[in-house]
PDBML (XML) file of the C-alpha atoms, coordinates in Angstrom:
<?xml version="1.0" encoding="UTF-8" ?>
<PDBx:datablock datablockName="MODEL"
   xmlns:PDBx="http://pdbml.pdb.org/schema/pdbx-v50.xsd"
   xmlns:xsi="http://www.w3.org/2001/XMLSchema-instance"
   xsi:schemaLocation="http://pdbml.pdb.org/schema/pdbx-v50.xsd pdbx-v50.xsd">
   <PDBx:atom_siteCategory>
      <PDBx:atom_site id="1">
         <PDBx:B_iso_or_equiv>0.00</PDBx:B_iso_or_equiv>
         <PDBx:Cartn_x>112.005</PDBx:Cartn_x>
         <PDBx:Cartn_y>129.185</PDBx:Cartn_y>
         <PDBx:Cartn_z>109.338</PDBx:Cartn_z>
         <PDBx:auth_asym_id>A</PDBx:auth_asym_id>
         <PDBx:auth_atom_id>CA</PDBx:auth_atom_id>
         <PDBx:auth_comp_id>GLY</PDBx:auth_comp_id>
         <PDBx:auth_seq_id>1</PDBx:auth_seq_id>
         <PDBx:group_PDB>ATOM</PDBx:group_PDB>
         <PDBx:label_alt_id xsi:nil="true" />
         <PDBx:label_asym_id>A</PDBx:label_asym_id>
         <PDBx:label_atom_id>CA</PDBx:label_atom_id>
         <PDBx:label_comp_id>GLY</PDBx:label_comp_id>
         <PDBx:label_entity_id>1</PDBx:label_entity_id>
         <PDBx:label_seq_id>1</PDBx:label_seq_id>
         <PDBx:occupancy>1.00</PDBx:occupancy>
         <PDBx:pdbx_PDB_model_num>1</PDBx:pdbx_PDB_model_num>
         <PDBx:type_symbol>C</PDBx:type_symbol>
      </PDBx:atom_site>
      <PDBx:atom_site id="2">
         <PDBx:B_iso_or_equiv>0.00</PDBx:B_iso_or_equiv>
         <PDBx:Cartn_x>110.223</PDBx:Cartn_x>
         <PDBx:Cartn_y>132.345</PDBx:Cartn_y>
         <PDBx:Cartn_z>109.739</PDBx:Cartn_z>
         <PDBx:auth_asym_id>A</PDBx:auth_asym_id>
         <PDBx:auth_atom_id>CA</PDBx:auth_atom_id>
         <PDBx:auth_comp_id>ASP</PDBx:auth_comp_id>
         <PDBx:auth_seq_id>2</PDBx:auth_seq_id>
         <PDBx:group_PDB>ATOM</PDBx:group_PDB>
         <PDBx:label_alt_id xsi:nil="true" />
         <PDBx:label_asym_id>A</PDBx:label_asym_id>
         <PDBx:label_atom_id>CA</PDBx:label_atom_id>
         <PDBx:label_comp_id>ASP</PDBx:label_comp_id>
         <PDBx:label_entity_id>1</PDBx:label_entity_id>
         <PDBx:label_seq_id>2</PDBx:label_seq_id>
         <PDBx:occupancy>1.00</PDBx:occupancy>
         <PDBx:pdbx_PDB_model_num>1</PDBx:pdbx_PDB_model_num>
         <PDBx:type_symbol>C</PDBx:type_symbol>
      </PDBx:atom_site>
      <PDBx:atom_site id="3">
         <PDBx:B_iso_or_equiv>0.00</PDBx:B_iso_or_equiv>
         <PDBx:Cartn_x>112.545</PDBx:Cartn_x>
         <PDBx:Cartn_y>134.685</PDBx:Cartn_y>
         <PDBx:Cartn_z>108.368</PDBx:Cartn_z>
         <PDBx:auth_asym_id>A</PDBx:auth_asym_id>
         <PDBx:auth_atom_id>CA</PDBx:auth_atom_id>
         <PDBx:auth_comp_id>GLY</PDBx:auth_comp_id>
         <PDBx:auth_seq_id>3</PDBx:auth_seq_id>
         <PDBx:group_PDB>ATOM</PDBx:group_PDB>
         <PDBx:label_alt_id xsi:nil="true" />
         <PDBx:label_asym_id>A</PDBx:label_asym_id>
         <PDBx:label_atom_id>CA</PDBx:label_atom_id>
         <PDBx:label_comp_id>GLY</PDBx:label_comp_id>
         <PDBx:label_entity_id>1</PDBx:label_entity_id>
         <PDBx:label_seq_id>3</PDBx:label_seq_id>
         <PDBx:occupancy>1.00</PDBx:occupancy>
         <PDBx:pdbx_PDB_model_num>1</PDBx:pdbx_PDB_model_num>
         <PDBx:type_symbol>C</PDBx:type_symbol>
      </PDBx:atom_site>
      <PDBx:atom_site id="4">
         <PDBx:B_iso_or_equiv>0.00</PDBx:B_iso_or_equiv>
         <PDBx:Cartn_x>114.653</PDBx:Cartn_x>
         <PDBx:Cartn_y>135.137</PDBx:Cartn_y>
         <PDBx:Cartn_z>111.503</PDBx:Cartn_z>
         <PDBx:auth_asym_id>A</PDBx:auth_asym_id>
         <PDBx:auth_atom_id>CA</PDBx:auth_atom_id>
         <PDBx:auth_comp_id>ARG</PDBx:auth_comp_id>
         <PDBx:auth_seq_id>4</PDBx:auth_seq_id>
         <PDBx:group_PDB>ATOM</PDBx:group_PDB>
         <PDBx:label_alt_id xsi:nil="true" />
         <PDBx:label_asym_id>A</PDBx:label_asym_id>
         <PDBx:label_atom_id>CA</PDBx:label_atom_id>
         <PDBx:label_comp_id>ARG</PDBx:label_comp_id>
         <PDBx:label_entity_id>1</PDBx:label_entity_id>
         <PDBx:label_seq_id>4</PDBx:label_seq_id>
         <PDBx:occupancy>1.00</PDBx:occupancy>
         <PDBx:pdbx_PDB_model_num>1</PDBx:pdbx_PDB_model_num>
         <PDBx:type_symbol>C</PDBx:type_symbol>
      </PDBx:atom_site>
      <PDBx:atom_site id="5">
         <PDBx:B_iso_or_equiv>0.00</PDBx:B_iso_or_equiv>
         <PDBx:Cartn_x>115.337</PDBx:Cartn_x>
         <PDBx:Cartn_y>131.602</PDBx:Cartn_y>
         <PDBx:Cartn_z>111.919</PDBx:Cartn_z>
         <PDBx:auth_asym_id>A</PDBx:auth_asym_id>
         <PDBx:auth_atom_id>CA</PDBx:auth_atom_id>
         <PDBx:auth_comp_id>THR</PDBx:auth_comp_id>
         <PDBx:auth_seq_id>5</PDBx:auth_seq_id>
         <PDBx:group_PDB>ATOM</PDBx:group_PDB>
         <PDBx:label_alt_id xsi:nil="true" />
         <PDBx:label_asym_id>A</PDBx:label_asym_id>
         <PDBx:label_atom_id>CA</PDBx:label_atom_id>
         <PDBx:label_comp_id>THR</PDBx:label_comp_id>
         <PDBx:label_entity_id>1</PDBx:label_entity_id>
         <PDBx:label_seq_id>5</PDBx:label_seq_id>
         <PDBx:occupancy>1.00</PDBx:occupancy>
         <PDBx:pdbx_PDB_model_num>1</PDBx:pdbx_PDB_model_num>
         <PDBx:type_symbol>C</PDBx:type_symbol>
      </PDBx:atom_site>
      <PDBx:atom_site id="6">
         <PDBx:B_iso_or_equiv>0.00</PDBx:B_iso_or_equiv>
         <PDBx:Cartn_x>116.762</PDBx:Cartn_x>
         <PDBx:Cartn_y>129.191</PDBx:Cartn_y>
         <PDBx:Cartn_z>109.435</PDBx:Cartn_z>
         <PDBx:auth_asym_id>A</PDBx:auth_asym_id>
         <PDBx:auth_atom_id>CA</PDBx:auth_atom_id>
         <PDBx:auth_comp_id>PRO</PDBx:auth_comp_id>
         <PDBx:auth_seq_id>6</PDBx:auth_seq_id>
         <PDBx:group_PDB>ATOM</PDBx:group_PDB>
         <PDBx:label_alt_id xsi:nil="true" />
         <PDBx:label_asym_id>A</PDBx:label_asym_id>
         <PDBx:label_atom_id>CA</PDBx:label_atom_id>
         <PDBx:label_comp_id>PRO</PDBx:label_comp_id>
         <PDBx:label_entity_id>1</PDBx:label_entity_id>
         <PDBx:label_seq_id>6</PDBx:label_seq_id>
         <PDBx:occupancy>1.00</PDBx:occupancy>
         <PDBx:pdbx_PDB_model_num>1</PDBx:pdbx_PDB_model_num>
         <PDBx:type_symbol>C</PDBx:type_symbol>
      </PDBx:atom_site>
      <PDBx:atom_site id="7">
         <PDBx:B_iso_or_equiv>0.00</PDBx:B_iso_or_equiv>
         <PDBx:Cartn_x>114.748</PDBx:Cartn_x>
         <PDBx:Cartn_y>126.036</PDBx:Cartn_y>
         <PDBx:Cartn_z>108.773</PDBx:Cartn_z>
         <PDBx:auth_asym_id>A</PDBx:auth_asym_id>
         <PDBx:auth_atom_id>CA</PDBx:auth_atom_id>
         <PDBx:auth_comp_id>GLY</PDBx:auth_comp_id>
         <PDBx:auth_seq_id>7</PDBx:auth_seq_id>
         <PDBx:group_PDB>ATOM</PDBx:group_PDB>
         <PDBx:label_alt_id xsi:nil="true" />
         <PDBx:label_asym_id>A</PDBx:label_asym_id>
         <PDBx:label_atom_id>CA</PDBx:label_atom_id>
         <PDBx:label_comp_id>GLY</PDBx:label_comp_id>
         <PDBx:label_entity_id>1</PDBx:label_entity_id>
         <PDBx:label_seq_id>7</PDBx:label_seq_id>
         <PDBx:occupancy>1.00</PDBx:occupancy>
         <PDBx:pdbx_PDB_model_num>1</PDBx:pdbx_PDB_model_num>
         <PDBx:type_symbol>C</PDBx:type_symbol>
      </PDBx:atom_site>
      <PDBx:atom_site id="8">
         <PDBx:B_iso_or_equiv>0.00</PDBx:B_iso_or_equiv>
         <PDBx:Cartn_x>115.889</PDBx:Cartn_x>
         <PDBx:Cartn_y>122.781</PDBx:Cartn_y>
         <PDBx:Cartn_z>110.099</PDBx:Cartn_z>
         <PDBx:auth_asym_id>A</PDBx:auth_asym_id>
         <PDBx:auth_atom_id>CA</PDBx:auth_atom_id>
         <PDBx:auth_comp_id>ARG</PDBx:auth_comp_id>
         <PDBx:auth_seq_id>8</PDBx:auth_seq_id>
         <PDBx:group_PDB>ATOM</PDBx:group_PDB>
         <PDBx:label_alt_id xsi:nil="true" />
         <PDBx:label_asym_id>A</PDBx:label_asym_id>
         <PDBx:label_atom_id>CA</PDBx:label_atom_id>
         <PDBx:label_comp_id>ARG</PDBx:label_comp_id>
         <PDBx:label_entity_id>1</PDBx:label_entity_id>
         <PDBx:label_seq_id>8</PDBx:label_seq_id>
         <PDBx:occupancy>1.00</PDBx:occupancy>
         <PDBx:pdbx_PDB_model_num>1</PDBx:pdbx_PDB_model_num>
         <PDBx:type_symbol>C</PDBx:type_symbol>
      </PDBx:atom_site>
      <PDBx:atom_site id="9">
         <PDBx:B_iso_or_equiv>0.00</PDBx:B_iso_or_equiv>
         <PDBx:Cartn_x>115.361</PDBx:Cartn_x>
         <PDBx:Cartn_y>119.144</PDBx:Cartn_y>
         <PDBx:Cartn_z>109.545</PDBx:Cartn_z>
         <PDBx:auth_asym_id>A</PDBx:auth_asym_id>
         <PDBx:auth_atom_id>CA</PDBx:auth_atom_id>
         <PDBx:auth_comp_id>PHE</PDBx:auth_comp_id>
         <PDBx:auth_seq_id>9</PDBx:auth_seq_id>
         <PDBx:group_PDB>ATOM</PDBx:group_PDB>
         <PDBx:label_alt_id xsi:nil="true" />
         <PDBx:label_asym_id>A</PDBx:label_asym_id>
         <PDBx:label_atom_id>CA</PDBx:label_atom_id>
         <PDBx:label_comp_id>PHE</PDBx:label_comp_id>
         <PDBx:label_entity_id>1</PDBx:label_entity_id>
         <PDBx:label_seq_id>9</PDBx:label_seq_id>
         <PDBx:occupancy>1.00</PDBx:occupancy>
         <PDBx:pdbx_PDB_model_num>1</PDBx:pdbx_PDB_model_num>
         <PDBx:type_symbol>C</PDBx:type_symbol>
      </PDBx:atom_site>
      <PDBx:atom_site id="10">
         <PDBx:B_iso_or_equiv>0.00</PDBx:B_iso_or_equiv>
         <PDBx:Cartn_x>113.778</PDBx:Cartn_x>
         <PDBx:Cartn_y>117.212</PDBx:Cartn_y>
         <PDBx:Cartn_z>112.463</PDBx:Cartn_z>
         <PDBx:auth_asym_id>A</PDBx:auth_asym_id>
         <PDBx:auth_atom_id>CA</PDBx:auth_atom_id>
         <PDBx:auth_comp_id>ARG</PDBx:auth_comp_id>
         <PDBx:auth_seq_id>10</PDBx:auth_seq_id>
         <PDBx:group_PDB>ATOM</PDBx:group_PDB>
         <PDBx:label_alt_id xsi:nil="true" />
         <PDBx:label_asym_id>A</PDBx:label_asym_id>
         <PDBx:label_atom_id>CA</PDBx:label_atom_id>
         <PDBx:label_comp_id>ARG</PDBx:label_comp_id>
         <PDBx:label_entity_id>1</PDBx:label_entity_id>
         <PDBx:label_seq_id>10</PDBx:label_seq_id>
         <PDBx:occupancy>1.00</PDBx:occupancy>
         <PDBx:pdbx_PDB_model_num>1</PDBx:pdbx_PDB_model_num>
         <PDBx:type_symbol>C</PDBx:type_symbol>
      </PDBx:atom_site>
      <PDBx:atom_site id="11">
         <PDBx:B_iso_or_equiv>0.00</PDBx:B_iso_or_equiv>
         <PDBx:Cartn_x>113.003</PDBx:Cartn_x>
         <PDBx:Cartn_y>113.572</PDBx:Cartn_y>
         <PDBx:Cartn_z>113.699</PDBx:Cartn_z>
         <PDBx:auth_asym_id>A</PDBx:auth_asym_id>
         <PDBx:auth_atom_id>CA</PDBx:auth_atom_id>
         <PDBx:auth_comp_id>ALA</PDBx:auth_comp_id>
         <PDBx:auth_seq_id>11</PDBx:auth_seq_id>
         <PDBx:group_PDB>ATOM</PDBx:group_PDB>
         <PDBx:label_alt_id xsi:nil="true" />
         <PDBx:label_asym_id>A</PDBx:label_asym_id>
         <PDBx:label_atom_id>CA</PDBx:label_atom_id>
         <PDBx:label_comp_id>ALA</PDBx:label_comp_id>
         <PDBx:label_entity_id>1</PDBx:label_entity_id>
         <PDBx:label_seq_id>11</PDBx:label_seq_id>
         <PDBx:occupancy>1.00</PDBx:occupancy>
         <PDBx:pdbx_PDB_model_num>1</PDBx:pdbx_PDB_model_num>
         <PDBx:type_symbol>C</PDBx:type_symbol>
      </PDBx:atom_site>
      <PDBx:atom_site id="12">
         <PDBx:B_iso_or_equiv>0.00</PDBx:B_iso_or_equiv>
         <PDBx:Cartn_x>109.403</PDBx:Cartn_x>
         <PDBx:Cartn_y>113.179</PDBx:Cartn_y>
         <PDBx:Cartn_z>114.443</PDBx:Cartn_z>
         <PDBx:auth_asym_id>A</PDBx:auth_asym_id>
         <PDBx:auth_atom_id>CA</PDBx:auth_atom_id>
         <PDBx:auth_comp_id>THR</PDBx:auth_comp_id>
         <PDBx:auth_seq_id>12</PDBx:auth_seq_id>
         <PDBx:group_PDB>ATOM</PDBx:group_PDB>
         <PDBx:label_alt_id xsi:nil="true" />
         <PDBx:label_asym_id>A</PDBx:label_asym_id>
         <PDBx:label_atom_id>CA</PDBx:label_atom_id>
         <PDBx:label_comp_id>THR</PDBx:label_comp_id>
         <PDBx:label_entity_id>1</PDBx:label_entity_id>
         <PDBx:label_seq_id>12</PDBx:label_seq_id>
         <PDBx:occupancy>1.00</PDBx:occupancy>
         <PDBx:pdbx_PDB_model_num>1</PDBx:pdbx_PDB_model_num>
         <PDBx:type_symbol>C</PDBx:type_symbol>
      </PDBx:atom_site>
      <PDBx:atom_site id="13">
         <PDBx:B_iso_or_equiv>0.00</PDBx:B_iso_or_equiv>
         <PDBx:Cartn_x>110.250</PDBx:Cartn_x>
         <PDBx:Cartn_y>111.066</PDBx:Cartn_y>
         <PDBx:Cartn_z>117.589</PDBx:Cartn_z>
         <PDBx:auth_asym_id>A</PDBx:auth_asym_id>
         <PDBx:auth_atom_id>CA</PDBx:auth_atom_id>
         <PDBx:auth_comp_id>GLY</PDBx:auth_comp_id>
         <PDBx:auth_seq_id>13</PDBx:auth_seq_id>
         <PDBx:group_PDB>ATOM</PDBx:group_PDB>
         <PDBx:label_alt_id xsi:nil="true" />
         <PDBx:label_asym_id>A</PDBx:label_asym_id>
         <PDBx:label_atom_id>CA</PDBx:label_atom_id>
         <PDBx:label_comp_id>GLY</PDBx:label_comp_id>
         <PDBx:label_entity_id>1</PDBx:label_entity_id>
         <PDBx:label_seq_id>13</PDBx:label_seq_id>
         <PDBx:occupancy>1.00</PDBx:occupancy>
         <PDBx:pdbx_PDB_model_num>1</PDBx:pdbx_PDB_model_num>
         <PDBx:type_symbol>C</PDBx:type_symbol>
      </PDBx:atom_site>
      <PDBx:atom_site id="14">
         <PDBx:B_iso_or_equiv>0.00</PDBx:B_iso_or_equiv>
         <PDBx:Cartn_x>108.450</PDBx:Cartn_x>
         <PDBx:Cartn_y>108.003</PDBx:Cartn_y>
         <PDBx:Cartn_z>115.821</PDBx:Cartn_z>
         <PDBx:auth_asym_id>A</PDBx:auth_asym_id>
         <PDBx:auth_atom_id>CA</PDBx:auth_atom_id>
         <PDBx:auth_comp_id>ILE</PDBx:auth_comp_id>
         <PDBx:auth_seq_id>14</PDBx:auth_seq_id>
         <PDBx:group_PDB>ATOM</PDBx:group_PDB>
         <PDBx:label_alt_id xsi:nil="true" />
         <PDBx:label_asym_id>A</PDBx:label_asym_id>
         <PDBx:label_atom_id>CA</PDBx:label_atom_id>
         <PDBx:label_comp_id>ILE</PDBx:label_comp_id>
         <PDBx:label_entity_id>1</PDBx:label_entity_id>
         <PDBx:label_seq_id>14</PDBx:label_seq_id>
         <PDBx:occupancy>1.00</PDBx:occupancy>
         <PDBx:pdbx_PDB_model_num>1</PDBx:pdbx_PDB_model_num>
         <PDBx:type_symbol>C</PDBx:type_symbol>
      </PDBx:atom_site>
      <PDBx:atom_site id="15">
         <PDBx:B_iso_or_equiv>0.00</PDBx:B_iso_or_equiv>
         <PDBx:Cartn_x>110.293</PDBx:Cartn_x>
         <PDBx:Cartn_y>104.749</PDBx:Cartn_y>
         <PDBx:Cartn_z>115.293</PDBx:Cartn_z>
         <PDBx:auth_asym_id>A</PDBx:auth_asym_id>
         <PDBx:auth_atom_id>CA</PDBx:auth_atom_id>
         <PDBx:auth_comp_id>LYS</PDBx:auth_comp_id>
         <PDBx:auth_seq_id>15</PDBx:auth_seq_id>
         <PDBx:group_PDB>ATOM</PDBx:group_PDB>
         <PDBx:label_alt_id xsi:nil="true" />
         <PDBx:label_asym_id>A</PDBx:label_asym_id>
         <PDBx:label_atom_id>CA</PDBx:label_atom_id>
         <PDBx:label_comp_id>LYS</PDBx:label_comp_id>
         <PDBx:label_entity_id>1</PDBx:label_entity_id>
         <PDBx:label_seq_id>15</PDBx:label_seq_id>
         <PDBx:occupancy>1.00</PDBx:occupancy>
         <PDBx:pdbx_PDB_model_num>1</PDBx:pdbx_PDB_model_num>
         <PDBx:type_symbol>C</PDBx:type_symbol>
      </PDBx:atom_site>
      <PDBx:atom_site id="16">
         <PDBx:B_iso_or_equiv>0.00</PDBx:B_iso_or_equiv>
         <PDBx:Cartn_x>109.389</PDBx:Cartn_x>
         <PDBx:Cartn_y>103.264</PDBx:Cartn_y>
         <PDBx:Cartn_z>111.933</PDBx:Cartn_z>
         <PDBx:auth_asym_id>A</PDBx:auth_asym_id>
         <PDBx:auth_atom_id>CA</PDBx:auth_atom_id>
         <PDBx:auth_comp_id>PRO</PDBx:auth_comp_id>
         <PDBx:auth_seq_id>16</PDBx:auth_seq_id>
         <PDBx:group_PDB>ATOM</PDBx:group_PDB>
         <PDBx:label_alt_id xsi:nil="true" />
         <PDBx:label_asym_id>A</PDBx:label_asym_id>
         <PDBx:label_atom_id>CA</PDBx:label_atom_id>
         <PDBx:label_comp_id>PRO</PDBx:label_comp_id>
         <PDBx:label_entity_id>1</PDBx:label_entity_id>
         <PDBx:label_seq_id>16</PDBx:label_seq_id>
         <PDBx:occupancy>1.00</PDBx:occupancy>
         <PDBx:pdbx_PDB_model_num>1</PDBx:pdbx_PDB_model_num>
         <PDBx:type_symbol>C</PDBx:type_symbol>
      </PDBx:atom_site>
      <PDBx:atom_site id="17">
         <PDBx:B_iso_or_equiv>0.00</PDBx:B_iso_or_equiv>
         <PDBx:Cartn_x>107.445</PDBx:Cartn_x>
         <PDBx:Cartn_y>100.051</PDBx:Cartn_y>
         <PDBx:Cartn_z>112.190</PDBx:Cartn_z>
         <PDBx:auth_asym_id>A</PDBx:auth_asym_id>
         <PDBx:auth_atom_id>CA</PDBx:auth_atom_id>
         <PDBx:auth_comp_id>ARG</PDBx:auth_comp_id>
         <PDBx:auth_seq_id>17</PDBx:auth_seq_id>
         <PDBx:group_PDB>ATOM</PDBx:group_PDB>
         <PDBx:label_alt_id xsi:nil="true" />
         <PDBx:label_asym_id>A</PDBx:label_asym_id>
         <PDBx:label_atom_id>CA</PDBx:label_atom_id>
         <PDBx:label_comp_id>ARG</PDBx:label_comp_id>
         <PDBx:label_entity_id>1</PDBx:label_entity_id>
         <PDBx:label_seq_id>17</PDBx:label_seq_id>
         <PDBx:occupancy>1.00</PDBx:occupancy>
         <PDBx:pdbx_PDB_model_num>1</PDBx:pdbx_PDB_model_num>
         <PDBx:type_symbol>C</PDBx:type_symbol>
      </PDBx:atom_site>
      <PDBx:atom_site id="18">
         <PDBx:B_iso_or_equiv>0.00</PDBx:B_iso_or_equiv>
         <PDBx:Cartn_x>109.676</PDBx:Cartn_x>
         <PDBx:Cartn_y>98.653</PDBx:Cartn_y>
         <PDBx:Cartn_z>109.494</PDBx:Cartn_z>
         <PDBx:auth_asym_id>A</PDBx:auth_asym_id>
         <PDBx:auth_atom_id>CA</PDBx:auth_atom_id>
         <PDBx:auth_comp_id>CYS</PDBx:auth_comp_id>
         <PDBx:auth_seq_id>18</PDBx:auth_seq_id>
         <PDBx:group_PDB>ATOM</PDBx:group_PDB>
         <PDBx:label_alt_id xsi:nil="true" />
         <PDBx:label_asym_id>A</PDBx:label_asym_id>
         <PDBx:label_atom_id>CA</PDBx:label_atom_id>
         <PDBx:label_comp_id>CYS</PDBx:label_comp_id>
         <PDBx:label_entity_id>1</PDBx:label_entity_id>
         <PDBx:label_seq_id>18</PDBx:label_seq_id>
         <PDBx:occupancy>1.00</PDBx:occupancy>
         <PDBx:pdbx_PDB_model_num>1</PDBx:pdbx_PDB_model_num>
         <PDBx:type_symbol>C</PDBx:type_symbol>
      </PDBx:atom_site>
      <PDBx:atom_site id="19">
         <PDBx:B_iso_or_equiv>0.00</PDBx:B_iso_or_equiv>
         <PDBx:Cartn_x>112.765</PDBx:Cartn_x>
         <PDBx:Cartn_y>98.902</PDBx:Cartn_y>
         <PDBx:Cartn_z>111.965</PDBx:Cartn_z>
         <PDBx:auth_asym_id>A</PDBx:auth_asym_id>
         <PDBx:auth_atom_id>CA</PDBx:auth_atom_id>
         <PDBx:auth_comp_id>ALA</PDBx:auth_comp_id>
         <PDBx:auth_seq_id>19</PDBx:auth_seq_id>
         <PDBx:group_PDB>ATOM</PDBx:group_PDB>
         <PDBx:label_alt_id xsi:nil="true" />
         <PDBx:label_asym_id>A</PDBx:label_asym_id>
         <PDBx:label_atom_id>CA</PDBx:label_atom_id>
         <PDBx:label_comp_id>ALA</PDBx:label_comp_id>
         <PDBx:label_entity_id>1</PDBx:label_entity_id>
         <PDBx:label_seq_id>19</PDBx:label_seq_id>
         <PDBx:occupancy>1.00</PDBx:occupancy>
         <PDBx:pdbx_PDB_model_num>1</PDBx:pdbx_PDB_model_num>
         <PDBx:type_symbol>C</PDBx:type_symbol>
      </PDBx:atom_site>
      <PDBx:atom_site id="20">
         <PDBx:B_iso_or_equiv>0.00</PDBx:B_iso_or_equiv>
         <PDBx:Cartn_x>112.130</PDBx:Cartn_x>
         <PDBx:Cartn_y>95.199</PDBx:Cartn_y>
         <PDBx:Cartn_z>112.902</PDBx:Cartn_z>
         <PDBx:auth_asym_id>A</PDBx:auth_asym_id>
         <PDBx:auth_atom_id>CA</PDBx:auth_atom_id>
         <PDBx:auth_comp_id>ASP</PDBx:auth_comp_id>
         <PDBx:auth_seq_id>20</PDBx:auth_seq_id>
         <PDBx:group_PDB>ATOM</PDBx:group_PDB>
         <PDBx:label_alt_id xsi:nil="true" />
         <PDBx:label_asym_id>A</PDBx:label_asym_id>
         <PDBx:label_atom_id>CA</PDBx:label_atom_id>
         <PDBx:label_comp_id>ASP</PDBx:label_comp_id>
         <PDBx:label_entity_id>1</PDBx:label_entity_id>
         <PDBx:label_seq_id>20</PDBx:label_seq_id>
         <PDBx:occupancy>1.00</PDBx:occupancy>
         <PDBx:pdbx_PDB_model_num>1</PDBx:pdbx_PDB_model_num>
         <PDBx:type_symbol>C</PDBx:type_symbol>
      </PDBx:atom_site>
      <PDBx:atom_site id="21">
         <PDBx:B_iso_or_equiv>0.00</PDBx:B_iso_or_equiv>
         <PDBx:Cartn_x>112.208</PDBx:Cartn_x>
         <PDBx:Cartn_y>93.835</PDBx:Cartn_y>
         <PDBx:Cartn_z>109.214</PDBx:Cartn_z>
         <PDBx:auth_asym_id>A</PDBx:auth_asym_id>
         <PDBx:auth_atom_id>CA</PDBx:auth_atom_id>
         <PDBx:auth_comp_id>LYS</PDBx:auth_comp_id>
         <PDBx:auth_seq_id>21</PDBx:auth_seq_id>
         <PDBx:group_PDB>ATOM</PDBx:group_PDB>
         <PDBx:label_alt_id xsi:nil="true" />
         <PDBx:label_asym_id>A</PDBx:label_asym_id>
         <PDBx:label_atom_id>CA</PDBx:label_atom_id>
         <PDBx:label_comp_id>LYS</PDBx:label_comp_id>
         <PDBx:label_entity_id>1</PDBx:label_entity_id>
         <PDBx:label_seq_id>21</PDBx:label_seq_id>
         <PDBx:occupancy>1.00</PDBx:occupancy>
         <PDBx:pdbx_PDB_model_num>1</PDBx:pdbx_PDB_model_num>
         <PDBx:type_symbol>C</PDBx:type_symbol>
      </PDBx:atom_site>
      <PDBx:atom_site id="22">
         <PDBx:B_iso_or_equiv>0.00</PDBx:B_iso_or_equiv>
         <PDBx:Cartn_x>115.384</PDBx:Cartn_x>
         <PDBx:Cartn_y>96.239</PDBx:Cartn_y>
         <PDBx:Cartn_z>108.756</PDBx:Cartn_z>
         <PDBx:auth_asym_id>A</PDBx:auth_asym_id>
         <PDBx:auth_atom_id>CA</PDBx:auth_atom_id>
         <PDBx:auth_comp_id>LEU</PDBx:auth_comp_id>
         <PDBx:auth_seq_id>22</PDBx:auth_seq_id>
         <PDBx:group_PDB>ATOM</PDBx:group_PDB>
         <PDBx:label_alt_id xsi:nil="true" />
         <PDBx:label_asym_id>A</PDBx:label_asym_id>
         <PDBx:label_atom_id>CA</PDBx:label_atom_id>
         <PDBx:label_comp_id>LEU</PDBx:label_comp_id>
         <PDBx:label_entity_id>1</PDBx:label_entity_id>
         <PDBx:label_seq_id>22</PDBx:label_seq_id>
         <PDBx:occupancy>1.00</PDBx:occupancy>
         <PDBx:pdbx_PDB_model_num>1</PDBx:pdbx_PDB_model_num>
         <PDBx:type_symbol>C</PDBx:type_symbol>
      </PDBx:atom_site>
      <PDBx:atom_site id="23">
         <PDBx:B_iso_or_equiv>0.00</PDBx:B_iso_or_equiv>
         <PDBx:Cartn_x>117.112</PDBx:Cartn_x>
         <PDBx:Cartn_y>94.656</PDBx:Cartn_y>
         <PDBx:Cartn_z>111.688</PDBx:Cartn_z>
         <PDBx:auth_asym_id>A</PDBx:auth_asym_id>
         <PDBx:auth_atom_id>CA</PDBx:auth_atom_id>
         <PDBx:auth_comp_id>MET</PDBx:auth_comp_id>
         <PDBx:auth_seq_id>23</PDBx:auth_seq_id>
         <PDBx:group_PDB>ATOM</PDBx:group_PDB>
         <PDBx:label_alt_id xsi:nil="true" />
         <PDBx:label_asym_id>A</PDBx:label_asym_id>
         <PDBx:label_atom_id>CA</PDBx:label_atom_id>
         <PDBx:label_comp_id>MET</PDBx:label_comp_id>
         <PDBx:label_entity_id>1</PDBx:label_entity_id>
         <PDBx:label_seq_id>23</PDBx:label_seq_id>
         <PDBx:occupancy>1.00</PDBx:occupancy>
         <PDBx:pdbx_PDB_model_num>1</PDBx:pdbx_PDB_model_num>
         <PDBx:type_symbol>C</PDBx:type_symbol>
      </PDBx:atom_site>
      <PDBx:atom_site id="24">
         <PDBx:B_iso_or_equiv>0.00</PDBx:B_iso_or_equiv>
         <PDBx:Cartn_x>116.237</PDBx:Cartn_x>
         <PDBx:Cartn_y>91.345</PDBx:Cartn_y>
         <PDBx:Cartn_z>110.437</PDBx:Cartn_z>
         <PDBx:auth_asym_id>A</PDBx:auth_asym_id>
         <PDBx:auth_atom_id>CA</PDBx:auth_atom_id>
         <PDBx:auth_comp_id>ALA</PDBx:auth_comp_id>
         <PDBx:auth_seq_id>24</PDBx:auth_seq_id>
         <PDBx:group_PDB>ATOM</PDBx:group_PDB>
         <PDBx:label_alt_id xsi:nil="true" />
         <PDBx:label_asym_id>A</PDBx:label_asym_id>
         <PDBx:label_atom_id>CA</PDBx:label_atom_id>
         <PDBx:label_comp_id>ALA</PDBx:label_comp_id>
         <PDBx:label_entity_id>1</PDBx:label_entity_id>
         <PDBx:label_seq_id>24</PDBx:label_seq_id>
         <PDBx:occupancy>1.00</PDBx:occupancy>
         <PDBx:pdbx_PDB_model_num>1</PDBx:pdbx_PDB_model_num>
         <PDBx:type_symbol>C</PDBx:type_symbol>
      </PDBx:atom_site>
   </PDBx:atom_siteCategory>
</PDBx:datablock>
């Protein structure tokens, strides 16, 4: 945050390459 707004968690929009391995 910048002091006026609180910080927040955010997904970057990138799907991990390990997704197929996790699904399998």
